[in-house]
């Protein structure tokens, strides 16, 4: 009976594992200071090339700088 139970639960365990990995990757991306700085530079470049409006740039910059500050505070 245990083998059948294991086989029936295998797809569910796989899906749970996938969601755990996605969550892990999202947390890493949200907390990685180098990634945040890279996004800031990318946003600045898009703004200077007129691919992004000033309002969009300022909004994104504010969000990214807040995340960077939050990360620095949590590491202290």
Protein backbone atom coordinates (compact mmCIF):
# COMPACT_ATOMS: atom_id res chain seq x y z
CA UNK A 1 0.00 0.00 0.00
CA UNK A 2 2.85 2.40 0.71
CA UNK A 3 4.23 2.07 -2.81
CA UNK A 4 0.88 3.01 -4.30
CA UNK A 5 0.59 5.98 -1.92
CA UNK A 6 4.09 7.13 -2.89
CA UNK A 7 3.27 6.86 -6.59
CA UNK A 8 0.04 8.80 -6.18
CA UNK A 9 1.71 11.58 -4.21
CA UNK A 10 4.75 11.85 -6.49
CA UNK A 11 3.25 14.52 -8.82
CA UNK A 12 2.15 16.60 -5.83
CA UNK A 13 5.61 16.44 -4.29
CA UNK A 14 7.11 17.50 -7.61
CA UNK A 15 4.85 20.53 -7.85
CA UNK A 16 5.64 21.50 -4.25
CA UNK A 17 9.35 21.20 -5.01
CA UNK A 18 8.99 23.44 -8.06
CA UNK A 19 7.16 26.11 -6.06
CA UNK A 20 9.81 25.99 -3.33
CA UNK A 21 12.53 26.53 -5.95
CA UNK A 22 10.63 29.43 -7.53
CA UNK A 23 10.20 31.03 -4.11
CA UNK A 24 13.89 30.57 -3.36
CA UNK A 25 14.89 32.18 -6.65
CA UNK A 26 12.49 35.10 -6.13
CA UNK A 27 13.87 35.76 -2.65
CA UNK A 28 17.42 35.65 -3.99
CA UNK A 29 16.59 38.10 -6.76
CA UNK A 30 14.80 40.47 -4.40
CA UNK A 31 17.67 40.50 -1.94
CA UNK A 32 20.68 40.53 -4.23
CA UNK A 33 22.33 43.97 -4.01
CA UNK A 34 24.33 43.53 -7.22
CA UNK A 35 21.16 42.63 -9.12
CA UNK A 36 19.43 45.74 -7.77
CA UNK A 37 22.34 47.95 -8.81
CA UNK A 38 22.29 46.35 -12.26
CA UNK A 39 18.59 47.14 -12.61
CA UNK A 40 19.28 50.74 -11.56
CA UNK A 41 21.94 51.11 -14.27
CA UNK A 42 19.65 49.48 -16.82
CA UNK A 43 16.83 51.87 -15.93
CA UNK A 44 19.17 54.86 -16.18
CA UNK A 45 20.32 53.74 -19.62
CA UNK A 46 16.74 53.27 -20.82
CA UNK A 47 15.87 56.74 -19.52
CA UNK A 48 18.84 58.34 -21.26
CA UNK A 49 17.94 56.57 -24.52
CA UNK A 50 14.35 57.82 -24.22
CA UNK A 51 13.00 54.29 -23.89
CA UNK A 52 11.49 55.21 -20.52
CA UNK A 53 9.70 58.35 -19.38
CA UNK A 54 11.04 60.44 -16.51
CA UNK A 55 8.07 59.46 -14.32
CA UNK A 56 8.64 55.74 -14.96
CA UNK A 57 12.34 56.12 -14.26
CA UNK A 58 11.81 58.02 -11.01
CA UNK A 59 9.23 55.49 -9.82
CA UNK A 60 11.51 52.54 -10.58
CA UNK A 61 14.54 54.28 -9.11
CA UNK A 62 12.67 55.01 -5.89
CA UNK A 63 11.53 51.39 -5.60
CA UNK A 64 14.98 49.96 -6.31
CA UNK A 65 16.76 52.35 -3.93
CA UNK A 66 14.26 51.47 -1.19
CA UNK A 67 14.95 47.75 -1.75
CA UNK A 68 18.69 48.41 -1.66
CA UNK A 69 18.39 50.38 1.59
CA UNK A 70 16.22 47.66 3.10
CA UNK A 71 18.77 45.04 2.13
CA UNK A 72 21.61 47.05 3.66
CA UNK A 73 19.68 47.50 6.91
CA UNK A 74 18.88 43.80 7.15
CA UNK A 75 22.54 42.89 6.62
CA UNK A 76 23.72 45.27 9.35
